[in-house]
C-alpha atoms as a PDB file:
ATOM      1  CA  MET A   1      19.601 -97.582 -88.390  1.00  0.00           C
ATOM      2  CA  GLN A   2      17.099 -98.901 -90.919  1.00  0.00           C
ATOM      3  CA  THR A   3      17.190 -97.721 -94.490  1.00  0.00           C
ATOM      4  CA  ARG A   4      14.162 -97.139 -96.646  1.00  0.00           C
ATOM      5  CA  ARG A   5      14.830-100.420 -98.424  1.00  0.00           C
ATOM      6  CA  ASP A   6      14.460-102.370 -95.132  1.00  0.00           C
ATOM      7  CA  LEU A   7      11.020-100.842 -94.509  1.00  0.00           C
ATOM      8  CA  THR A   8       9.429-101.850 -97.807  1.00  0.00           C
ATOM      9  CA  PRO A   9       7.271-104.976 -97.557  1.00  0.00           C
ATOM     10  CA  LYS A  10       8.612-108.006 -99.370  1.00  0.00           C
ATOM     11  CA  LYS A  11       6.656-110.724-101.063  1.00  0.00           C
ATOM     12  CA  PRO A  12       7.183-114.045 -99.282  1.00  0.00           C
ATOM     13  CA  PHE A  13       8.134-115.708-102.574  1.00  0.00           C
ATOM     14  CA  GLU A  14       9.763-114.181-105.566  1.00  0.00           C
ATOM     15  CA  GLY A  15      10.440-115.632-108.953  1.00  0.00           C
ATOM     16  CA  LYS A  16       8.793-117.693-111.605  1.00  0.00           C
ATOM     17  CA  TYR A  17       6.509-119.753-109.340  1.00  0.00           C
ATOM     18  CA  ALA A  18       5.676-117.161-106.680  1.00  0.00           C
ATOM     19  CA  ASP A  19       1.935-117.172-107.410  1.00  0.00           C
ATOM     20  CA  LEU A  20       1.766-120.963-107.447  1.00  0.00           C
ATOM     21  CA  ASN A  21       3.654-121.185-104.139  1.00  0.00           C
ATOM     22  CA  GLU A  22       1.260-118.746-102.513  1.00  0.00           C
ATOM     23  CA  LYS A  23      -1.779-120.698-103.789  1.00  0.00           C
ATOM     24  CA  ILE A  24      -0.435-124.007-102.499  1.00  0.00           C
ATOM     25  CA  ILE A  25       0.433-122.641 -99.070  1.00  0.00           C
ATOM     26  CA  LYS A  26      -2.953-120.915 -98.813  1.00  0.00           C
ATOM     27  CA  ILE A  27      -4.720-124.193 -99.614  1.00  0.00           C
ATOM     28  CA  PHE A  28      -2.531-126.057 -97.124  1.00  0.00           C
ATOM     29  CA  TYR A  29      -3.602-123.712 -94.332  1.00  0.00           C
ATOM     30  CA  GLN A  30      -7.253-123.854 -95.397  1.00  0.00           C
ATOM     31  CA  VAL A  31      -7.226-127.661 -95.257  1.00  0.00           C
ATOM     32  CA  HIS A  32      -5.490-127.670 -91.888  1.00  0.00           C
ATOM     33  CA  ASN A  33      -7.880-125.084 -90.429  1.00  0.00           C
ATOM     34  CA  GLU A  34     -10.913-126.955 -91.751  1.00  0.00           C
ATOM     35  CA  LEU A  35      -9.832-130.389 -90.471  1.00  0.00           C
ATOM     36  CA  GLY A  36      -8.206-129.242 -87.273  1.00  0.00           C
ATOM     37  CA  TYR A  37      -5.690-131.119 -85.201  1.00  0.00           C
ATOM     38  CA  GLY A  38      -5.310-134.835 -84.574  1.00  0.00           C
ATOM     39  CA  PHE A  39      -5.740-136.665 -87.869  1.00  0.00           C
ATOM     40  CA  SER A  40      -3.173-138.975 -89.412  1.00  0.00           C
ATOM     41  CA  GLU A  41      -0.875-137.741 -92.162  1.00  0.00           C
ATOM     42  CA  LYS A  42      -2.788-139.788 -94.731  1.00  0.00           C
ATOM     43  CA  VAL A  43      -6.048-137.934 -93.975  1.00  0.00           C
ATOM     44  CA  TYR A  44      -4.369-134.552 -94.436  1.00  0.00           C
ATOM     45  CA  GLN A  45      -2.735-135.761 -97.686  1.00  0.00           C
ATOM     46  CA  LYS A  46      -6.049-136.892 -99.147  1.00  0.00           C
ATOM     47  CA  ALA A  47      -7.808-133.664 -98.180  1.00  0.00           C
ATOM     48  CA  PHE A  48      -4.926-131.587 -99.559  1.00  0.00           C
ATOM     49  CA  GLY A  49      -5.057-133.539-102.828  1.00  0.00           C
ATOM     50  CA  ILE A  50      -8.807-132.978-103.142  1.00  0.00           C
ATOM     51  CA  ALA A  51      -8.397-129.246-102.483  1.00  0.00           C
ATOM     52  CA  LEU A  52      -5.620-128.961-105.078  1.00  0.00           C
ATOM     53  CA  ARG A  53      -7.694-130.789-107.683  1.00  0.00           C
ATOM     54  CA  GLU A  54     -10.625-128.450-107.000  1.00  0.00           C
ATOM     55  CA  ILE A  55      -8.570-125.458-108.140  1.00  0.00           C
ATOM     56  CA  GLY A  56      -7.287-127.318-111.193  1.00  0.00           C
ATOM     57  CA  LEU A  57      -3.846-128.446-110.031  1.00  0.00           C
ATOM     58  CA  LYS A  58      -2.683-131.992-110.624  1.00  0.00           C
ATOM     59  CA  TRP A  59      -1.849-133.986-107.526  1.00  0.00           C
ATOM     60  CA  MET A  60      -0.088-137.300-107.267  1.00  0.00           C
ATOM     61  CA  SER A  61      -0.061-139.058-103.919  1.00  0.00           C
ATOM     62  CA  LYS A  62       3.060-140.751-102.658  1.00  0.00           C
ATOM     63  CA  SER A  63       3.806-143.944-104.479  1.00  0.00           C
ATOM     64  CA  PRO A  64       6.163-146.637-103.254  1.00  0.00           C
ATOM     65  CA  SER A  65       9.691-146.330-104.545  1.00  0.00           C
ATOM     66  CA  ARG A  66      11.409-149.018-106.564  1.00  0.00           C
ATOM     67  CA  PHE A  67      13.599-149.758-103.541  1.00  0.00           C
ATOM     68  CA  THR A  68      10.573-150.401-101.298  1.00  0.00           C
ATOM     69  CA  ILE A  69       9.048-152.744-103.856  1.00  0.00           C
ATOM     70  CA  MET A  70      12.321-154.696-104.216  1.00  0.00           C
ATOM     71  CA  VAL A  71      12.739-155.005-100.436  1.00  0.00           C
ATOM     72  CA  LYS A  72       9.209-156.368-100.098  1.00  0.00           C
ATOM     73  CA  TRP A  73       9.818-158.783-102.978  1.00  0.00           C
ATOM     74  CA  TRP A  74      13.060-160.114-101.465  1.00  0.00           C
ATOM     75  CA  ALA A  75      11.445-160.365 -98.030  1.00  0.00           C
ATOM     76  CA  SER A  76       8.607-162.461 -99.441  1.00  0.00           C
ATOM     77  CA  ILE A  77      11.087-164.743-101.260  1.00  0.00           C
ATOM     78  CA  LEU A  78      13.061-165.135 -98.027  1.00  0.00           C
ATOM     79  CA  LEU A  79       9.925-165.994 -96.056  1.00  0.00           C
ATOM     80  CA  ILE A  80       8.907-168.596 -98.639  1.00  0.00           C
ATOM     81  CA  CYS A  81      12.363-170.194 -98.490  1.00  0.00           C
ATOM     82  CA  LEU A  82      12.416-170.209 -94.695  1.00  0.00           C
ATOM     83  CA  SER A  83       8.937-171.662 -94.408  1.00  0.00           C
ATOM     84  CA  THR A  84       9.845-174.354 -96.959  1.00  0.00           C
ATOM     85  CA  MET A  85      12.995-175.228 -94.994  1.00  0.00           C
ATOM     86  CA  LEU A  86      11.061-175.412 -91.728  1.00  0.00           C
ATOM     87  CA  PHE A  87       8.398-177.572 -93.348  1.00  0.00           C
ATOM     88  CA  CYS A  88      11.037-179.953 -94.727  1.00  0.00           C
ATOM     89  CA  LEU A  89      12.824-180.177 -91.363  1.00  0.00           C
ATOM     90  CA  SER A  90       9.688-181.073 -89.433  1.00  0.00           C
END
């Protein structure tokens, strides 16, 4: 048996950032509906960022982490060393 409390509509988000959450999700669906299906993730990210900036929200795209930068740096050092060794051996 349902009580009166179960029948009252609930807001999807409650709390301090409820309005902001609703705005962001609304924009996400608008971007997806406008672009449709089949684009790469990067296209959706750029469009989402543009839409967020249009309503005055700051947006920062993904930036490489420190770990990724270090791995690429060490990989390039390793490749230089290997190519130097191969050059010296030939």
